[in-house]
């Protein structure tokens, strides 16, 4: 799959989709088929000590294919899109230099979008200017504020609803502090798409099947040692990002005596379903993604098509 020098851009394969859909398992099989290495695009799998909560790759899966950005970071530390992009970009260069294929697999849509398209360096907040704009909105209304943005940055204004005061103010603030509009900053931002041949494949099932998979996975988590895992994490001062992992808050409620174990399971299942729905909404908006319905196709057939499409 790696193009000879001068014969085209090297390819990167992305495997995306909602939680519990089976991205890791399929990525492992694909890696064996095409000589790939897997980069996790999961904001929680990067942390140590939450293997069950984050559903990080099993030891068997890691033996079958080389994984990156899995169980590296202390959960007391913050993780960000910028940190992911920096490390994933470095890994992609290293993997392609070895003649391997980078396979980026995960469900953190913002991380994947940032890696492909890049993120512009956002200027620091100007709280004084922000308060001034908010007072303007209170006095004259959000549509008048939106008109101010339309005059200096019509492209951004066209993408922001006239009632969305927070985003309008931020766009105005960026121009005020940097001297450049948000549109100009975005235009000067570069991601992987400028350097590599990007192929994005999505996995999906009918919604009732996704929810059933989520429920079964939640039950397996509780059959394992997830409660002990949460107890160990509670002894640390978790970062804001690590503390947002699904299951932590729900199990803490059980450990604190606010509800019983069955209620904790139910809460986790409901919140995970909501998360999966948000993921699907995010990825469905990306028209570059080629979707495969796992209820209609076996893994082998999907891998064959992905391998062929990535040639």
C-alpha atoms as a PDB file:
ATOM      1  CA  UNK A   1       0.000   0.000   0.000  1.00  0.00           C
ATOM      2  CA  UNK A   2       2.889   2.389   0.559  1.00  0.00           C
ATOM      3  CA  UNK A   3       3.517   4.296  -2.663  1.00  0.00           C
ATOM      4  CA  UNK A   4       7.037   4.256  -4.092  1.00  0.00           C
ATOM      5  CA  UNK A   5       8.902   7.570  -3.811  1.00  0.00           C
ATOM      6  CA  UNK A   6       7.519  10.115  -6.216  1.00  0.00           C
ATOM      7  CA  UNK A   7       4.511   7.949  -7.128  1.00  0.00           C
ATOM      8  CA  UNK A   8       1.923   9.577  -4.888  1.00  0.00           C
ATOM      9  CA  UNK A   9       1.090  10.458  -1.335  1.00  0.00           C
ATOM     10  CA  UNK A  10       1.267   7.827   1.389  1.00  0.00           C
ATOM     11  CA  UNK A  11      -2.085   6.636   2.657  1.00  0.00           C
ATOM     12  CA  UNK A  12      -3.630   6.754   6.106  1.00  0.00           C
ATOM     13  CA  UNK A  13      -6.652   4.605   6.944  1.00  0.00           C
ATOM     14  CA  UNK A  14      -9.187   5.813   9.511  1.00  0.00           C
ATOM     15  CA  UNK A  15     -11.661   3.453  11.186  1.00  0.00           C
ATOM     16  CA  UNK A  16     -14.421   5.394  12.938  1.00  0.00           C
ATOM     17  CA  UNK A  17     -17.845   4.779  14.421  1.00  0.00           C
ATOM     18  CA  UNK A  18     -19.810   4.746  17.668  1.00  0.00           C
ATOM     19  CA  UNK A  19     -18.644   3.137  20.875  1.00  0.00           C
ATOM     20  CA  UNK A  20     -18.969  -0.673  21.207  1.00  0.00           C
ATOM     21  CA  UNK A  21     -19.265  -1.108  17.422  1.00  0.00           C
ATOM     22  CA  UNK A  22     -16.064  -3.171  17.138  1.00  0.00           C
ATOM     23  CA  UNK A  23     -13.540  -0.690  15.739  1.00  0.00           C
ATOM     24  CA  UNK A  24     -10.540  -2.132  17.579  1.00  0.00           C
ATOM     25  CA  UNK A  25     -11.201  -5.734  16.572  1.00  0.00           C
ATOM     26  CA  UNK A  26     -11.636  -4.852  12.914  1.00  0.00           C
ATOM     27  CA  UNK A  27      -8.589  -2.547  12.956  1.00  0.00           C
ATOM     28  CA  UNK A  28      -6.459  -5.390  14.309  1.00  0.00           C
ATOM     29  CA  UNK A  29      -7.557  -7.734  11.509  1.00  0.00           C
ATOM     30  CA  UNK A  30      -6.997  -4.994   8.938  1.00  0.00           C
ATOM     31  CA  UNK A  31      -3.517  -4.297  10.309  1.00  0.00           C
ATOM     32  CA  UNK A  32      -2.574  -7.949   9.827  1.00  0.00           C
ATOM     33  CA  UNK A  33      -3.950  -7.880   6.284  1.00  0.00           C
ATOM     34  CA  UNK A  34      -2.221  -4.706   5.032  1.00  0.00           C
ATOM     35  CA  UNK A  35       0.840  -4.448   7.266  1.00  0.00           C
ATOM     36  CA  UNK A  36      -0.449  -1.689   9.474  1.00  0.00           C
ATOM     37  CA  UNK A  37       0.071  -0.227  12.927  1.00  0.00           C
ATOM     38  CA  UNK A  38      -2.823   1.135  14.946  1.00  0.00           C
ATOM     39  CA  UNK A  39      -2.982   4.605  16.467  1.00  0.00           C
ATOM     40  CA  UNK A  40      -5.780   4.949  19.003  1.00  0.00           C
ATOM     41  CA  UNK A  41      -7.952   8.029  18.475  1.00  0.00           C
ATOM     42  CA  UNK A  42      -9.681   7.567  21.818  1.00  0.00           C
ATOM     43  CA  UNK A  43      -9.428  10.288  24.430  1.00  0.00           C
ATOM     44  CA  UNK A  44      -9.671   7.742  27.271  1.00  0.00           C
ATOM     45  CA  UNK A  45      -7.607   4.771  26.075  1.00  0.00           C
ATOM     46  CA  UNK A  46      -4.496   6.943  26.382  1.00  0.00           C
ATOM     47  CA  UNK A  47      -4.765   6.786  30.190  1.00  0.00           C
ATOM     48  CA  UNK A  48      -3.214   4.223  32.494  1.00  0.00           C
ATOM     49  CA  UNK A  49      -5.315   2.409  35.059  1.00  0.00           C
ATOM     50  CA  UNK A  50      -8.648   2.463  33.250  1.00  0.00           C
ATOM     51  CA  UNK A  51      -8.361  -0.485  30.899  1.00  0.00           C
ATOM     52  CA  UNK A  52     -11.898  -1.692  31.646  1.00  0.00           C
ATOM     53  CA  UNK A  53     -13.564   1.713  31.665  1.00  0.00           C
ATOM     54  CA  UNK A  54     -11.938   2.765  28.398  1.00  0.00           C
ATOM     55  CA  UNK A  55     -12.156  -0.697  26.817  1.00  0.00           C
ATOM     56  CA  UNK A  56      -8.563  -0.411  25.641  1.00  0.00           C
ATOM     57  CA  UNK A  57      -7.185  -3.168  23.376  1.00  0.00           C
ATOM     58  CA  UNK A  58      -6.676  -6.523  25.074  1.00  0.00           C
ATOM     59  CA  UNK A  59      -3.259  -8.110  25.478  1.00  0.00           C
ATOM     60  CA  UNK A  60      -4.148 -10.550  22.687  1.00  0.00           C
ATOM     61  CA  UNK A  61      -5.092  -7.711  20.336  1.00  0.00           C
ATOM     62  CA  UNK A  62      -1.826  -5.918  21.098  1.00  0.00           C
ATOM     63  CA  UNK A  63       0.131  -9.057  20.277  1.00  0.00           C
ATOM     64  CA  UNK A  64      -1.652  -9.323  16.937  1.00  0.00           C
ATOM     65  CA  UNK A  65      -0.955  -5.722  15.904  1.00  0.00           C
ATOM     66  CA  UNK A  66       1.209  -2.912  17.204  1.00  0.00           C
ATOM     67  CA  UNK A  67      -0.792  -0.231  19.029  1.00  0.00           C
ATOM     68  CA  UNK A  68       0.103   3.365  19.853  1.00  0.00           C
ATOM     69  CA  UNK A  69      -1.327   5.954  22.279  1.00  0.00           C
ATOM     70  CA  UNK A  70      -2.760   3.293  24.574  1.00  0.00           C
ATOM     71  CA  UNK A  71      -2.272   3.342  28.363  1.00  0.00           C
ATOM     72  CA  UNK A  72       0.539   5.898  28.365  1.00  0.00           C
ATOM     73  CA  UNK A  73      -0.654   8.868  30.399  1.00  0.00           C
ATOM     74  CA  UNK A  74      -1.144   9.275  34.148  1.00  0.00           C
ATOM     75  CA  UNK A  75      -4.876   9.919  34.728  1.00  0.00           C
ATOM     76  CA  UNK A  76      -3.990  12.945  36.852  1.00  0.00           C
ATOM     77  CA  UNK A  77      -2.793  14.709  33.700  1.00  0.00           C
ATOM     78  CA  UNK A  78      -4.931  16.529  31.157  1.00  0.00           C
ATOM     79  CA  UNK A  79      -5.152  15.374  27.530  1.00  0.00           C
ATOM     80  CA  UNK A  80      -6.157  17.566  24.618  1.00  0.00           C
ATOM     81  CA  UNK A  81      -6.780  17.636  20.889  1.00  0.00           C
ATOM     82  CA  UNK A  82      -3.523  19.515  20.409  1.00  0.00           C
ATOM     83  CA  UNK A  83      -1.538  16.913  22.370  1.00  0.00           C
ATOM     84  CA  UNK A  84      -3.130  14.094  20.374  1.00  0.00           C
ATOM     85  CA  UNK A  85      -2.425  15.781  17.040  1.00  0.00           C
ATOM     86  CA  UNK A  86       1.212  16.395  17.922  1.00  0.00           C
ATOM     87  CA  UNK A  87       1.909  12.813  18.987  1.00  0.00           C
ATOM     88  CA  UNK A  88      -0.242  11.132  16.320  1.00  0.00           C
ATOM     89  CA  UNK A  89       1.457  13.176  13.579  1.00  0.00           C
ATOM     90  CA  UNK A  90       4.863  12.102  14.851  1.00  0.00           C
ATOM     91  CA  UNK A  91       3.775   8.476  14.927  1.00  0.00           C
ATOM     92  CA  UNK A  92       2.352   8.618  11.413  1.00  0.00           C
ATOM     93  CA  UNK A  93       5.661   9.911  10.057  1.00  0.00           C
ATOM     94  CA  UNK A  94       7.505   7.141  11.888  1.00  0.00           C
ATOM     95  CA  UNK A  95       5.112   4.386  10.754  1.00  0.00           C
ATOM     96  CA  UNK A  96       5.178   5.401   7.089  1.00  0.00           C
ATOM     97  CA  UNK A  97       8.981   5.727   7.201  1.00  0.00           C
ATOM     98  CA  UNK A  98       9.111   2.045   8.204  1.00  0.00           C
ATOM     99  CA  UNK A  99       6.953   1.098   5.226  1.00  0.00           C
ATOM    100  CA  UNK A 100       3.896   0.370   7.366  1.00  0.00           C
ATOM    101  CA  UNK A 101       0.371   1.725   7.044  1.00  0.00           C
ATOM    102  CA  UNK A 102      -0.991   3.984   9.807  1.00  0.00           C
ATOM    103  CA  UNK A 103      -4.480   2.891  10.883  1.00  0.00           C
ATOM    104  CA  UNK A 104      -6.129   5.517  13.071  1.00  0.00           C
ATOM    105  CA  UNK A 105      -9.002   3.882  14.943  1.00  0.00           C
ATOM    106  CA  UNK A 106     -11.352   5.475  17.429  1.00  0.00           C
ATOM    107  CA  UNK A 107     -14.506   7.371  18.185  1.00  0.00           C
ATOM    108  CA  UNK A 108     -13.232  10.744  19.395  1.00  0.00           C
ATOM    109  CA  UNK A 109     -14.555  12.773  16.494  1.00  0.00           C
ATOM    110  CA  UNK A 110     -12.925  16.059  17.433  1.00  0.00           C
ATOM    111  CA  UNK A 111      -9.509  14.392  17.672  1.00  0.00           C
ATOM    112  CA  UNK A 112      -9.917  12.817  14.250  1.00  0.00           C
ATOM    113  CA  UNK A 113     -11.198  16.027  12.660  1.00  0.00           C
ATOM    114  CA  UNK A 114      -8.313  18.001  14.170  1.00  0.00           C
ATOM    115  CA  UNK A 115      -5.742  15.472  12.955  1.00  0.00           C
ATOM    116  CA  UNK A 116      -7.073  15.479   9.391  1.00  0.00           C
ATOM    117  CA  UNK A 117      -7.889  19.154   9.016  1.00  0.00           C
ATOM    118  CA  UNK A 118      -5.633  20.782  11.599  1.00  0.00           C
ATOM    119  CA  UNK A 119      -6.537  23.256  14.337  1.00  0.00           C
ATOM    120  CA  UNK A 120      -5.567  26.894  14.324  1.00  0.00           C
ATOM    121  CA  UNK A 121      -3.754  28.348  17.342  1.00  0.00           C
ATOM    122  CA  UNK A 122      -6.519  30.046  19.274  1.00  0.00           C
ATOM    123  CA  UNK A 123      -5.560  33.425  20.780  1.00  0.00           C
ATOM    124  CA  UNK A 124      -5.760  33.837  24.543  1.00  0.00           C
ATOM    125  CA  UNK A 125      -8.983  35.073  26.050  1.00  0.00           C
ATOM    126  CA  UNK A 126      -9.528  38.796  26.435  1.00  0.00           C
ATOM    127  CA  UNK A 127     -12.024  38.846  29.295  1.00  0.00           C
ATOM    128  CA  UNK A 128     -12.423  42.615  29.216  1.00  0.00           C
ATOM    129  CA  UNK A 129     -13.370  42.560  25.512  1.00  0.00           C
ATOM    130  CA  UNK A 130     -15.614  39.537  26.110  1.00  0.00           C
ATOM    131  CA  UNK A 131     -17.562  41.349  28.838  1.00  0.00           C
ATOM    132  CA  UNK A 132     -17.912  44.403  26.601  1.00  0.00           C
ATOM    133  CA  UNK A 133     -19.407  42.297  23.780  1.00  0.00           C
ATOM    134  CA  UNK A 134     -21.761  40.510  26.150  1.00  0.00           C
ATOM    135  CA  UNK A 135     -22.980  43.861  27.472  1.00  0.00           C
ATOM    136  CA  UNK A 136     -23.507  44.975  23.851  1.00  0.00           C
ATOM    137  CA  UNK A 137     -25.625  41.868  23.233  1.00  0.00           C
ATOM    138  CA  UNK A 138     -27.665  42.498  26.358  1.00  0.00           C
ATOM    139  CA  UNK A 139     -28.337  46.085  25.291  1.00  0.00           C
ATOM    140  CA  UNK A 140     -28.910  45.690  21.539  1.00  0.00           C
ATOM    141  CA  UNK A 141     -29.624  41.969  21.087  1.00  0.00           C
ATOM    142  CA  UNK A 142     -27.703  39.027  19.659  1.00  0.00           C
ATOM    143  CA  UNK A 143     -28.645  39.769  16.047  1.00  0.00           C
ATOM    144  CA  UNK A 144     -27.035  43.187  16.221  1.00  0.00           C
ATOM    145  CA  UNK A 145     -23.901  41.545  17.597  1.00  0.00           C
ATOM    146  CA  UNK A 146     -24.074  38.991  14.795  1.00  0.00           C
ATOM    147  CA  UNK A 147     -24.189  41.856  12.290  1.00  0.00           C
ATOM    148  CA  UNK A 148     -20.909  43.188  13.684  1.00  0.00           C
ATOM    149  CA  UNK A 149     -19.312  39.803  13.008  1.00  0.00           C
ATOM    150  CA  UNK A 150     -20.837  39.617   9.513  1.00  0.00           C
ATOM    151  CA  UNK A 151     -19.106  42.875   8.577  1.00  0.00           C
ATOM    152  CA  UNK A 152     -15.604  41.657   9.493  1.00  0.00           C
ATOM    153  CA  UNK A 153     -15.906  37.895   8.951  1.00  0.00           C
ATOM    154  CA  UNK A 154     -18.942  36.991   6.812  1.00  0.00           C
ATOM    155  CA  UNK A 155     -17.821  33.367   6.384  1.00  0.00           C
ATOM    156  CA  UNK A 156     -17.769  32.717  10.138  1.00  0.00           C
ATOM    157  CA  UNK A 157     -21.013  34.651  10.597  1.00  0.00           C
ATOM    158  CA  UNK A 158     -22.637  32.388   8.034  1.00  0.00           C
ATOM    159  CA  UNK A 159     -21.734  29.337  10.127  1.00  0.00           C
ATOM    160  CA  UNK A 160     -22.818  30.758  13.506  1.00  0.00           C
ATOM    161  CA  UNK A 161     -26.469  31.118  14.460  1.00  0.00           C
ATOM    162  CA  UNK A 162     -27.475  34.718  15.261  1.00  0.00           C
ATOM    163  CA  UNK A 163     -28.636  33.605  18.714  1.00  0.00           C
ATOM    164  CA  UNK A 164     -25.369  31.852  19.608  1.00  0.00           C
ATOM    165  CA  UNK A 165     -23.870  34.715  21.607  1.00  0.00           C
ATOM    166  CA  UNK A 166     -20.967  32.719  23.030  1.00  0.00           C
ATOM    167  CA  UNK A 167     -19.607  31.710  19.608  1.00  0.00           C
ATOM    168  CA  UNK A 168     -20.246  35.152  18.112  1.00  0.00           C
ATOM    169  CA  UNK A 169     -18.313  36.794  20.930  1.00  0.00           C
ATOM    170  CA  UNK A 170     -15.446  34.327  20.571  1.00  0.00           C
ATOM    171  CA  UNK A 171     -15.172  34.973  16.823  1.00  0.00           C
ATOM    172  CA  UNK A 172     -15.106  38.727  17.447  1.00  0.00           C
ATOM    173  CA  UNK A 173     -12.591  38.243  20.239  1.00  0.00           C
ATOM    174  CA  UNK A 174     -10.247  36.236  17.988  1.00  0.00           C
ATOM    175  CA  UNK A 175     -10.195  39.045  15.424  1.00  0.00           C
ATOM    176  CA  UNK A 176      -9.738  41.660  18.160  1.00  0.00           C
ATOM    177  CA  UNK A 177      -6.793  39.909  19.832  1.00  0.00           C
ATOM    178  CA  UNK A 178      -5.004  38.453  16.790  1.00  0.00           C
ATOM    179  CA  UNK A 179      -5.784  40.975  14.082  1.00  0.00           C
ATOM    180  CA  UNK A 180      -6.978  38.101  11.886  1.00  0.00           C
ATOM    181  CA  UNK A 181     -10.448  36.713  11.439  1.00  0.00           C
ATOM    182  CA  UNK A 182     -11.285  33.149  12.408  1.00  0.00           C
ATOM    183  CA  UNK A 183     -11.719  32.386   8.694  1.00  0.00           C
ATOM    184  CA  UNK A 184      -8.225  33.658   7.918  1.00  0.00           C
ATOM    185  CA  UNK A 185      -6.721  31.606  10.751  1.00  0.00           C
ATOM    186  CA  UNK A 186      -8.500  28.461   9.594  1.00  0.00           C
ATOM    187  CA  UNK A 187      -7.317  29.008   6.009  1.00  0.00           C
ATOM    188  CA  UNK A 188      -3.701  29.082   7.188  1.00  0.00           C
ATOM    189  CA  UNK A 189      -4.125  25.862   9.196  1.00  0.00           C
ATOM    190  CA  UNK A 190      -2.894  22.578   7.738  1.00  0.00           C
ATOM    191  CA  UNK A 191      -3.642  19.008   8.761  1.00  0.00           C
ATOM    192  CA  UNK A 192      -2.833  15.581   7.385  1.00  0.00           C
ATOM    193  CA  UNK A 193      -5.061  16.052   4.339  1.00  0.00           C
ATOM    194  CA  UNK A 194      -2.464  18.342   2.765  1.00  0.00           C
ATOM    195  CA  UNK A 195       0.287  15.742   3.038  1.00  0.00           C
ATOM    196  CA  UNK A 196      -1.351  12.300   2.944  1.00  0.00           C
ATOM    197  CA  UNK A 197      -4.006  10.384   1.037  1.00  0.00           C
ATOM    198  CA  UNK A 198      -6.777  10.102   3.641  1.00  0.00           C
ATOM    199  CA  UNK A 199      -9.214   7.159   3.529  1.00  0.00           C
ATOM    200  CA  UNK A 200     -11.992   7.158   6.144  1.00  0.00           C
ATOM    201  CA  UNK A 201     -14.189   4.125   6.779  1.00  0.00           C
ATOM    202  CA  UNK A 202     -17.078   4.012   9.237  1.00  0.00           C
ATOM    203  CA  UNK A 203     -18.669   1.060  11.008  1.00  0.00           C
ATOM    204  CA  UNK A 204     -22.344   1.063  11.890  1.00  0.00           C
ATOM    205  CA  UNK A 205     -25.249  -1.200  12.787  1.00  0.00           C
ATOM    206  CA  UNK A 206     -28.992  -0.613  13.195  1.00  0.00           C
ATOM    207  CA  UNK A 207     -29.475   1.453  16.338  1.00  0.00           C
ATOM    208  CA  UNK A 208     -31.163  -1.324  18.322  1.00  0.00           C
ATOM    209  CA  UNK A 209     -28.162  -3.570  17.670  1.00  0.00           C
ATOM    210  CA  UNK A 210     -25.734  -0.841  18.767  1.00  0.00           C
ATOM    211  CA  UNK A 211     -27.694  -0.414  21.988  1.00  0.00           C
ATOM    212  CA  UNK A 212     -27.705  -4.165  22.554  1.00  0.00           C
ATOM    213  CA  UNK A 213     -23.912  -4.258  22.105  1.00  0.00           C
ATOM    214  CA  UNK A 214     -23.567  -1.384  24.581  1.00  0.00           C
ATOM    215  CA  UNK A 215     -25.713  -3.199  27.159  1.00  0.00           C
ATOM    216  CA  UNK A 216     -23.729  -6.422  26.809  1.00  0.00           C
ATOM    217  CA  UNK A 217     -20.435  -4.584  27.135  1.00  0.00           C
ATOM    218  CA  UNK A 218     -21.629  -2.787  30.257  1.00  0.00           C
ATOM    219  CA  UNK A 219     -22.633  -6.121  31.801  1.00  0.00           C
ATOM    220  CA  UNK A 220     -19.189  -7.559  30.989  1.00  0.00           C
ATOM    221  CA  UNK A 221     -17.529  -4.563  32.620  1.00  0.00           C
ATOM    222  CA  UNK A 222     -19.371  -5.228  35.865  1.00  0.00           C
ATOM    223  CA  UNK A 223     -18.647  -8.963  35.614  1.00  0.00           C
ATOM    224  CA  UNK A 224     -14.974  -7.986  35.497  1.00  0.00           C
ATOM    225  CA  UNK A 225     -13.145  -5.775  37.965  1.00  0.00           C
ATOM    226  CA  UNK A 226     -14.466  -2.379  36.959  1.00  0.00           C
ATOM    227  CA  UNK A 227     -15.521  -1.484  40.507  1.00  0.00           C
ATOM    228  CA  UNK A 228     -12.004  -2.201  41.788  1.00  0.00           C
ATOM    229  CA  UNK A 229     -10.646  -0.119  38.904  1.00  0.00           C
ATOM    230  CA  UNK A 230     -12.821   2.837  39.891  1.00  0.00           C
ATOM    231  CA  UNK A 231     -11.838   2.474  43.552  1.00  0.00           C
ATOM    232  CA  UNK A 232      -8.173   2.709  42.559  1.00  0.00           C
ATOM    233  CA  UNK A 233      -8.841   5.761  40.391  1.00  0.00           C
ATOM    234  CA  UNK A 234     -10.733   7.468  43.221  1.00  0.00           C
ATOM    235  CA  UNK A 235      -7.549   7.449  45.258  1.00  0.00           C
ATOM    236  CA  UNK A 236      -6.022   9.802  42.696  1.00  0.00           C
ATOM    237  CA  UNK A 237      -6.891  13.370  41.793  1.00  0.00           C
ATOM    238  CA  UNK A 238      -8.127  12.681  38.255  1.00  0.00           C
ATOM    239  CA  UNK A 239      -7.719  15.324  35.585  1.00  0.00           C
ATOM    240  CA  UNK A 240     -10.838  16.885  34.123  1.00  0.00           C
ATOM    241  CA  UNK A 241     -10.465  14.838  30.930  1.00  0.00           C
ATOM    242  CA  UNK A 242      -9.755  11.504  32.639  1.00  0.00           C
ATOM    243  CA  UNK A 243     -12.614  12.008  35.085  1.00  0.00           C
ATOM    244  CA  UNK A 244     -15.062  12.225  32.180  1.00  0.00           C
ATOM    245  CA  UNK A 245     -14.600   8.566  31.218  1.00  0.00           C
ATOM    246  CA  UNK A 246     -17.928   6.787  30.946  1.00  0.00           C
ATOM    247  CA  UNK A 247     -18.591   4.611  33.977  1.00  0.00           C
ATOM    248  CA  UNK A 248     -16.508   6.522  36.512  1.00  0.00           C
ATOM    249  CA  UNK A 249     -19.216   8.903  37.677  1.00  0.00           C
ATOM    250  CA  UNK A 250     -21.891   6.206  37.525  1.00  0.00           C
ATOM    251  CA  UNK A 251     -19.891   3.764  39.663  1.00  0.00           C
ATOM    252  CA  UNK A 252     -18.868   6.507  42.084  1.00  0.00           C
ATOM    253  CA  UNK A 253     -22.576   7.051  42.711  1.00  0.00           C
ATOM    254  CA  UNK A 254     -22.888   3.399  43.697  1.00  0.00           C
ATOM    255  CA  UNK A 255     -19.774   3.508  45.881  1.00  0.00           C
ATOM    256  CA  UNK A 256     -21.070   6.634  47.626  1.00  0.00           C
ATOM    257  CA  UNK A 257     -24.347   4.881  48.396  1.00  0.00           C
ATOM    258  CA  UNK A 258     -26.571   7.108  46.263  1.00  0.00           C
ATOM    259  CA  UNK A 259     -28.059   4.092  44.445  1.00  0.00           C
ATOM    260  CA  UNK A 260     -27.605   0.331  44.134  1.00  0.00           C
ATOM    261  CA  UNK A 261     -25.503  -1.642  41.668  1.00  0.00           C
ATOM    262  CA  UNK A 262     -28.354  -2.276  39.236  1.00  0.00           C
ATOM    263  CA  UNK A 263     -29.066   1.460  39.077  1.00  0.00           C
ATOM    264  CA  UNK A 264     -25.397   2.122  38.355  1.00  0.00           C
ATOM    265  CA  UNK A 265     -25.493  -0.366  35.477  1.00  0.00           C
ATOM    266  CA  UNK A 266     -28.657   1.191  34.083  1.00  0.00           C
ATOM    267  CA  UNK A 267     -27.196   4.699  34.327  1.00  0.00           C
ATOM    268  CA  UNK A 268     -24.040   3.603  32.508  1.00  0.00           C
ATOM    269  CA  UNK A 269     -26.031   1.961  29.719  1.00  0.00           C
ATOM    270  CA  UNK A 270     -28.227   5.045  29.232  1.00  0.00           C
ATOM    271  CA  UNK A 271     -25.292   7.463  29.187  1.00  0.00           C
ATOM    272  CA  UNK A 272     -23.309   5.255  26.813  1.00  0.00           C
ATOM    273  CA  UNK A 273     -26.260   5.084  24.432  1.00  0.00           C
ATOM    274  CA  UNK A 274     -26.484   8.878  24.452  1.00  0.00           C
ATOM    275  CA  UNK A 275     -22.762   9.100  23.764  1.00  0.00           C
ATOM    276  CA  UNK A 276     -23.061   6.678  20.825  1.00  0.00           C
ATOM    277  CA  UNK A 277     -25.900   8.762  19.400  1.00  0.00           C
ATOM    278  CA  UNK A 278     -23.753  11.923  19.574  1.00  0.00           C
ATOM    279  CA  UNK A 279     -20.862  10.097  17.897  1.00  0.00           C
ATOM    280  CA  UNK A 280     -23.078   8.938  15.037  1.00  0.00           C
ATOM    281  CA  UNK A 281     -24.437  12.453  14.537  1.00  0.00           C
ATOM    282  CA  UNK A 282     -20.879  13.810  14.373  1.00  0.00           C
ATOM    283  CA  UNK A 283     -19.548  11.221  11.933  1.00  0.00           C
ATOM    284  CA  UNK A 284     -22.664  11.216   9.730  1.00  0.00           C
ATOM    285  CA  UNK A 285     -21.935  14.868   8.923  1.00  0.00           C
ATOM    286  CA  UNK A 286     -18.611  13.893   7.322  1.00  0.00           C
ATOM    287  CA  UNK A 287     -19.391  13.014   3.715  1.00  0.00           C
ATOM    288  CA  UNK A 288     -15.891  11.609   3.160  1.00  0.00           C
ATOM    289  CA  UNK A 289     -16.672   8.536   5.249  1.00  0.00           C
ATOM    290  CA  UNK A 290     -17.488   5.273   3.459  1.00  0.00           C
ATOM    291  CA  UNK A 291     -19.840   3.332   5.719  1.00  0.00           C
ATOM    292  CA  UNK A 292     -20.097  -0.411   6.302  1.00  0.00           C
ATOM    293  CA  UNK A 293     -23.120  -1.945   8.020  1.00  0.00           C
ATOM    294  CA  UNK A 294     -21.889  -4.769  10.250  1.00  0.00           C
ATOM    295  CA  UNK A 295     -25.357  -6.323  10.254  1.00  0.00           C
ATOM    296  CA  UNK A 296     -25.064  -6.868   6.507  1.00  0.00           C
ATOM    297  CA  UNK A 297     -21.377  -7.648   6.024  1.00  0.00           C
ATOM    298  CA  UNK A 298     -18.885  -9.888   7.796  1.00  0.00           C
ATOM    299  CA  UNK A 299     -15.580  -8.491   9.028  1.00  0.00           C
ATOM    300  CA  UNK A 300     -13.681 -10.375   6.344  1.00  0.00           C
ATOM    301  CA  UNK A 301     -15.664  -8.816   3.515  1.00  0.00           C
ATOM    302  CA  UNK A 302     -15.313  -5.340   5.010  1.00  0.00           C
ATOM    303  CA  UNK A 303     -11.567  -5.755   5.455  1.00  0.00           C
ATOM    304  CA  UNK A 304     -11.245  -6.948   1.873  1.00  0.00           C
ATOM    305  CA  UNK A 305     -13.057  -3.841   0.612  1.00  0.00           C
ATOM    306  CA  UNK A 306     -11.088  -1.497   2.840  1.00  0.00           C
ATOM    307  CA  UNK A 307      -7.801  -3.079   1.769  1.00  0.00           C
ATOM    308  CA  UNK A 308      -8.806  -2.743  -1.874  1.00  0.00           C
ATOM    309  CA  UNK A 309      -9.995   0.835  -1.388  1.00  0.00           C
ATOM    310  CA  UNK A 310      -6.753   1.762   0.320  1.00  0.00           C
ATOM    311  CA  UNK A 311      -4.600   0.432  -2.530  1.00  0.00           C
END
